[in-house]
Amino acid sequence: MESEKSDLIEWKDAISYMQIAVHTLQNSATEITPKTIKSEMEMLRKKFGTNEIRRLAGIILKRR
């Protein structure tokens, strides 16, 4: 049960990860499937962390 809690993130952070993942996949001409979204979100979390993802999501949303 303890390992499940460590994998959970807040819903606002999950939305930010999803926005960046979808944006990245769209701009790389990769097919958007649940599997590619999940792997992209995991990569983003390992590579950048939550604070950087929040910042990038804010920048990308302002451009749209």
PDB file of N, CA and C in Angstrom:
ATOM      1  N   MET A   1       0.818  -1.189   0.000  1.00  0.00           N
ATOM      2  CA  MET A   1       0.000   0.000   0.000  1.00  0.00           C
ATOM      3  C   MET A   1       0.863   1.255   0.000  1.00  0.00           C
ATOM      4  N   GLU A   2       1.991   1.185   0.675  1.00  0.00           N
ATOM      5  CA  GLU A   2       2.855   2.350   0.777  1.00  0.00           C
ATOM      6  C   GLU A   2       3.443   2.740  -0.584  1.00  0.00           C
ATOM      7  N   SER A   3       3.802   1.762  -1.414  1.00  0.00           N
ATOM      8  CA  SER A   3       4.373   2.067  -2.721  1.00  0.00           C
ATOM      9  C   SER A   3       3.340   2.708  -3.637  1.00  0.00           C
ATOM     10  N   GLU A   4       2.059   2.377  -3.470  1.00  0.00           N
ATOM     11  CA  GLU A   4       1.019   3.002  -4.275  1.00  0.00           C
ATOM     12  C   GLU A   4       0.922   4.489  -3.968  1.00  0.00           C
ATOM     13  N   LYS A   5       1.032   4.855  -2.710  1.00  0.00           N
ATOM     14  CA  LYS A   5       0.938   6.258  -2.320  1.00  0.00           C
ATOM     15  C   LYS A   5       2.099   7.074  -2.889  1.00  0.00           C
ATOM     16  N   SER A   6       3.277   6.498  -2.975  1.00  0.00           N
ATOM     17  CA  SER A   6       4.430   7.232  -3.473  1.00  0.00           C
ATOM     18  C   SER A   6       4.323   7.503  -4.976  1.00  0.00           C
ATOM     19  N   ASP A   7       3.507   6.718  -5.688  1.00  0.00           N
ATOM     20  CA  ASP A   7       3.330   6.918  -7.114  1.00  0.00           C
ATOM     21  C   ASP A   7       2.233   7.927  -7.443  1.00  0.00           C
ATOM     22  N   LEU A   8       1.442   8.325  -6.457  1.00  0.00           N
ATOM     23  CA  LEU A   8       0.354   9.255  -6.693  1.00  0.00           C
ATOM     24  C   LEU A   8       0.865  10.691  -6.724  1.00  0.00           C
ATOM     25  N   ILE A   9       0.270  11.486  -7.634  1.00  0.00           N
ATOM     26  CA  ILE A   9       0.587  12.910  -7.692  1.00  0.00           C
ATOM     27  C   ILE A   9      -0.724  13.675  -7.653  1.00  0.00           C
ATOM     28  N   GLU A  10      -0.655  14.943  -7.370  1.00  0.00           N
ATOM     29  CA  GLU A  10      -1.859  15.767  -7.313  1.00  0.00           C
ATOM     30  C   GLU A  10      -2.459  15.917  -8.700  1.00  0.00           C
ATOM     31  N   TRP A  11      -3.762  16.116  -8.760  1.00  0.00           N
ATOM     32  CA  TRP A  11      -4.450  16.178 -10.048  1.00  0.00           C
ATOM     33  C   TRP A  11      -3.991  17.357 -10.877  1.00  0.00           C
ATOM     34  N   LYS A  12      -3.649  18.478 -10.262  1.00  0.00           N
ATOM     35  CA  LYS A  12      -3.160  19.637 -11.034  1.00  0.00           C
ATOM     36  C   LYS A  12      -1.821  19.306 -11.697  1.00  0.00           C
ATOM     37  N   ASP A  13      -0.990  18.587 -10.984  1.00  0.00           N
ATOM     38  CA  ASP A  13       0.296  18.187 -11.549  1.00  0.00           C
ATOM     39  C   ASP A  13       0.094  17.172 -12.668  1.00  0.00           C
ATOM     40  N   ALA A  14      -0.858  16.255 -12.490  1.00  0.00           N
ATOM     41  CA  ALA A  14      -1.144  15.261 -13.532  1.00  0.00           C
ATOM     42  C   ALA A  14      -1.631  15.945 -14.800  1.00  0.00           C
ATOM     43  N   ILE A  15      -2.440  16.988 -14.652  1.00  0.00           N
ATOM     44  CA  ILE A  15      -2.924  17.731 -15.821  1.00  0.00           C
ATOM     45  C   ILE A  15      -1.755  18.406 -16.526  1.00  0.00           C
ATOM     46  N   SER A  16      -0.839  18.986 -15.772  1.00  0.00           N
ATOM     47  CA  SER A  16       0.335  19.625 -16.374  1.00  0.00           C
ATOM     48  C   SER A  16       1.179  18.615 -17.139  1.00  0.00           C
ATOM     49  N   TYR A  17       1.396  17.451 -16.537  1.00  0.00           N
ATOM     50  CA  TYR A  17       2.150  16.395 -17.225  1.00  0.00           C
ATOM     51  C   TYR A  17       1.441  15.976 -18.509  1.00  0.00           C
ATOM     52  N   MET A  18       0.120  15.835 -18.436  1.00  0.00           N
ATOM     53  CA  MET A  18      -0.660  15.415 -19.608  1.00  0.00           C
ATOM     54  C   MET A  18      -0.579  16.466 -20.711  1.00  0.00           C
ATOM     55  N   GLN A  19      -0.683  17.738 -20.350  1.00  0.00           N
ATOM     56  CA  GLN A  19      -0.612  18.806 -21.350  1.00  0.00           C
ATOM     57  C   GLN A  19       0.738  18.804 -22.064  1.00  0.00           C
ATOM     58  N   ILE A  20       1.805  18.680 -21.310  1.00  0.00           N
ATOM     59  CA  ILE A  20       3.135  18.665 -21.912  1.00  0.00           C
ATOM     60  C   ILE A  20       3.327  17.404 -22.752  1.00  0.00           C
ATOM     61  N   ALA A  21       2.857  16.264 -22.262  1.00  0.00           N
ATOM     62  CA  ALA A  21       3.005  15.005 -23.000  1.00  0.00           C
ATOM     63  C   ALA A  21       2.264  15.070 -24.333  1.00  0.00           C
ATOM     64  N   VAL A  22       1.023  15.532 -24.322  1.00  0.00           N
ATOM     65  CA  VAL A  22       0.245  15.622 -25.563  1.00  0.00           C
ATOM     66  C   VAL A  22       0.881  16.625 -26.513  1.00  0.00           C
ATOM     67  N   HIS A  23       1.318  17.753 -25.997  1.00  0.00           N
ATOM     68  CA  HIS A  23       1.977  18.761 -26.831  1.00  0.00           C
ATOM     69  C   HIS A  23       3.231  18.186 -27.493  1.00  0.00           C
ATOM     70  N   THR A  24       4.029  17.477 -26.711  1.00  0.00           N
ATOM     71  CA  THR A  24       5.254  16.877 -27.230  1.00  0.00           C
ATOM     72  C   THR A  24       4.956  15.837 -28.302  1.00  0.00           C
ATOM     73  N   LEU A  25       3.975  14.984 -28.043  1.00  0.00           N
ATOM     74  CA  LEU A  25       3.625  13.938 -29.003  1.00  0.00           C
ATOM     75  C   LEU A  25       3.058  14.523 -30.293  1.00  0.00           C
ATOM     76  N   GLN A  26       2.248  15.569 -30.191  1.00  0.00           N
ATOM     77  CA  GLN A  26       1.691  16.214 -31.382  1.00  0.00           C
ATOM     78  C   GLN A  26       2.798  16.807 -32.237  1.00  0.00           C
ATOM     79  N   ASN A  27       3.768  17.432 -31.607  1.00  0.00           N
ATOM     80  CA  ASN A  27       4.846  18.090 -32.338  1.00  0.00           C
ATOM     81  C   ASN A  27       5.927  17.133 -32.816  1.00  0.00           C
ATOM     82  N   SER A  28       5.872  15.889 -32.393  1.00  0.00           N
ATOM     83  CA  SER A  28       6.838  14.904 -32.878  1.00  0.00           C
ATOM     84  C   SER A  28       6.198  13.947 -33.872  1.00  0.00           C
ATOM     85  N   ALA A  29       4.958  14.206 -34.235  1.00  0.00           N
ATOM     86  CA  ALA A  29       4.208  13.382 -35.198  1.00  0.00           C
ATOM     87  C   ALA A  29       4.103  11.928 -34.731  1.00  0.00           C
ATOM     88  N   THR A  30       4.060  11.740 -33.429  1.00  0.00           N
ATOM     89  CA  THR A  30       3.890  10.417 -32.849  1.00  0.00           C
ATOM     90  C   THR A  30       2.406  10.169 -32.638  1.00  0.00           C
ATOM     91  N   GLU A  31       1.974   8.947 -32.898  1.00  0.00           N
ATOM     92  CA  GLU A  31       0.574   8.608 -32.676  1.00  0.00           C
ATOM     93  C   GLU A  31       0.260   8.728 -31.185  1.00  0.00           C
ATOM     94  N   ILE A  32      -0.837   9.385 -30.877  1.00  0.00           N
ATOM     95  CA  ILE A  32      -1.227   9.588 -29.489  1.00  0.00           C
ATOM     96  C   ILE A  32      -2.135   8.439 -29.066  1.00  0.00           C
ATOM     97  N   THR A  33      -1.583   7.586 -28.219  1.00  0.00           N
ATOM     98  CA  THR A  33      -2.317   6.457 -27.656  1.00  0.00           C
ATOM     99  C   THR A  33      -2.116   6.490 -26.144  1.00  0.00           C
ATOM    100  N   PRO A  34      -2.933   5.768 -25.401  1.00  0.00           N
ATOM    101  CA  PRO A  34      -2.716   5.723 -23.950  1.00  0.00           C
ATOM    102  C   PRO A  34      -1.300   5.271 -23.576  1.00  0.00           C
ATOM    103  N   LYS A  35      -0.752   4.337 -24.327  1.00  0.00           N
ATOM    104  CA  LYS A  35       0.592   3.826 -24.043  1.00  0.00           C
ATOM    105  C   LYS A  35       1.665   4.900 -24.271  1.00  0.00           C
ATOM    106  N   THR A  36       1.555   5.649 -25.371  1.00  0.00           N
ATOM    107  CA  THR A  36       2.566   6.689 -25.639  1.00  0.00           C
ATOM    108  C   THR A  36       2.435   7.841 -24.656  1.00  0.00           C
ATOM    109  N   ILE A  37       1.190   8.172 -24.264  1.00  0.00           N
ATOM    110  CA  ILE A  37       1.000   9.239 -23.274  1.00  0.00           C
ATOM    111  C   ILE A  37       1.617   8.829 -21.943  1.00  0.00           C
ATOM    112  N   LYS A  38       1.368   7.601 -21.523  1.00  0.00           N
ATOM    113  CA  LYS A  38       1.904   7.121 -20.250  1.00  0.00           C
ATOM    114  C   LYS A  38       3.428   7.128 -20.258  1.00  0.00           C
ATOM    115  N   SER A  39       4.028   6.628 -21.313  1.00  0.00           N
ATOM    116  CA  SER A  39       5.493   6.584 -21.360  1.00  0.00           C
ATOM    117  C   SER A  39       6.085   7.989 -21.434  1.00  0.00           C
ATOM    118  N   GLU A  40       5.421   8.890 -22.138  1.00  0.00           N
ATOM    119  CA  GLU A  40       5.897  10.278 -22.222  1.00  0.00           C
ATOM    120  C   GLU A  40       5.793  10.962 -20.859  1.00  0.00           C
ATOM    121  N   MET A  41       4.687  10.734 -20.159  1.00  0.00           N
ATOM    122  CA  MET A  41       4.527  11.322 -18.829  1.00  0.00           C
ATOM    123  C   MET A  41       5.578  10.794 -17.856  1.00  0.00           C
ATOM    124  N   GLU A  42       5.871   9.505 -17.916  1.00  0.00           N
ATOM    125  CA  GLU A  42       6.897   8.926 -17.050  1.00  0.00           C
ATOM    126  C   GLU A  42       8.268   9.509 -17.368  1.00  0.00           C
ATOM    127  N   MET A  43       8.563   9.663 -18.658  1.00  0.00           N
ATOM    128  CA  MET A  43       9.851  10.237 -19.056  1.00  0.00           C
ATOM    129  C   MET A  43       9.962  11.683 -18.566  1.00  0.00           C
ATOM    130  N   LEU A  44       8.895  12.452 -18.732  1.00  0.00           N
ATOM    131  CA  LEU A  44       8.903  13.851 -18.299  1.00  0.00           C
ATOM    132  C   LEU A  44       9.105  13.967 -16.796  1.00  0.00           C
ATOM    133  N   ARG A  45       8.455  13.094 -16.056  1.00  0.00           N
ATOM    134  CA  ARG A  45       8.575  13.127 -14.600  1.00  0.00           C
ATOM    135  C   ARG A  45      10.001  12.822 -14.160  1.00  0.00           C
ATOM    136  N   LYS A  46      10.628  11.824 -14.790  1.00  0.00           N
ATOM    137  CA  LYS A  46      12.007  11.471 -14.437  1.00  0.00           C
ATOM    138  C   LYS A  46      12.995  12.546 -14.873  1.00  0.00           C
ATOM    139  N   LYS A  47      12.772  13.111 -16.050  1.00  0.00           N
ATOM    140  CA  LYS A  47      13.736  14.035 -16.625  1.00  0.00           C
ATOM    141  C   LYS A  47      13.637  15.454 -16.044  1.00  0.00           C
ATOM    142  N   PHE A  48      12.409  15.944 -15.839  1.00  0.00           N
ATOM    143  CA  PHE A  48      12.243  17.350 -15.468  1.00  0.00           C
ATOM    144  C   PHE A  48      11.734  17.581 -14.050  1.00  0.00           C
ATOM    145  N   GLY A  49      10.877  16.754 -13.553  1.00  0.00           N
ATOM    146  CA  GLY A  49      10.296  16.977 -12.228  1.00  0.00           C
ATOM    147  C   GLY A  49       9.089  17.899 -12.296  1.00  0.00           C
ATOM    148  N   THR A  50       8.361  17.936 -11.208  1.00  0.00           N
ATOM    149  CA  THR A  50       7.075  18.615 -11.183  1.00  0.00           C
ATOM    150  C   THR A  50       7.191  20.130 -11.346  1.00  0.00           C
ATOM    151  N   ASN A  51       8.132  20.764 -10.683  1.00  0.00           N
ATOM    152  CA  ASN A  51       8.238  22.226 -10.765  1.00  0.00           C
ATOM    153  C   ASN A  51       8.501  22.697 -12.190  1.00  0.00           C
ATOM    154  N   GLU A  52       9.379  22.037 -12.886  1.00  0.00           N
ATOM    155  CA  GLU A  52       9.698  22.414 -14.264  1.00  0.00           C
ATOM    156  C   GLU A  52       8.510  22.143 -15.187  1.00  0.00           C
ATOM    157  N   ILE A  53       7.781  21.074 -14.968  1.00  0.00           N
ATOM    158  CA  ILE A  53       6.620  20.759 -15.788  1.00  0.00           C
ATOM    159  C   ILE A  53       5.534  21.803 -15.596  1.00  0.00           C
ATOM    160  N   ARG A  54       5.322  22.227 -14.356  1.00  0.00           N
ATOM    161  CA  ARG A  54       4.344  23.303 -14.114  1.00  0.00           C
ATOM    162  C   ARG A  54       4.730  24.560 -14.883  1.00  0.00           C
ATOM    163  N   ARG A  55       6.009  24.913 -14.845  1.00  0.00           N
ATOM    164  CA  ARG A  55       6.488  26.113 -15.533  1.00  0.00           C
ATOM    165  C   ARG A  55       6.289  25.984 -17.042  1.00  0.00           C
ATOM    166  N   LEU A  56       6.665  24.841 -17.600  1.00  0.00           N
ATOM    167  CA  LEU A  56       6.520  24.630 -19.048  1.00  0.00           C
ATOM    168  C   LEU A  56       5.062  24.618 -19.473  1.00  0.00           C
ATOM    169  N   ALA A  57       4.191  24.023 -18.677  1.00  0.00           N
ATOM    170  CA  ALA A  57       2.765  23.998 -19.005  1.00  0.00           C
ATOM    171  C   ALA A  57       2.216  25.421 -19.034  1.00  0.00           C
ATOM    172  N   GLY A  58       2.637  26.252 -18.109  1.00  0.00           N
ATOM    173  CA  GLY A  58       2.196  27.643 -18.094  1.00  0.00           C
ATOM    174  C   GLY A  58       2.639  28.389 -19.334  1.00  0.00           C
ATOM    175  N   ILE A  59       3.852  28.155 -19.775  1.00  0.00           N
ATOM    176  CA  ILE A  59       4.377  28.813 -20.978  1.00  0.00           C
ATOM    177  C   ILE A  59       3.621  28.353 -22.217  1.00  0.00           C
ATOM    178  N   ILE A  60       3.409  27.067 -22.347  1.00  0.00           N
ATOM    179  CA  ILE A  60       2.741  26.508 -23.525  1.00  0.00           C
ATOM    180  C   ILE A  60       1.282  26.970 -23.591  1.00  0.00           C
ATOM    181  N   LEU A  61       0.610  27.007 -22.451  1.00  0.00           N
ATOM    182  CA  LEU A  61      -0.791  27.423 -22.450  1.00  0.00           C
ATOM    183  C   LEU A  61      -0.944  28.894 -22.816  1.00  0.00           C
ATOM    184  N   LYS A  62       0.023  29.711 -22.484  1.00  0.00           N
ATOM    185  CA  LYS A  62      -0.039  31.140 -22.838  1.00  0.00           C
ATOM    186  C   LYS A  62       0.085  31.336 -24.347  1.00  0.00           C
ATOM    187  N   ARG A  63       0.812  30.459 -25.023  1.00  0.00           N
ATOM    188  CA  ARG A  63       1.000  30.572 -26.468  1.00  0.00           C
ATOM    189  C   ARG A  63      -0.254  30.206 -27.248  1.00  0.00           C
ATOM    190  N   ARG A  64      -1.094  29.356 -26.679  1.00  0.00           N
ATOM    191  CA  ARG A  64      -2.279  28.889 -27.399  1.00  0.00           C
ATOM    192  C   ARG A  64      -3.364  29.880 -27.368  1.00  0.00           C
TER     193      ARG A  64
END
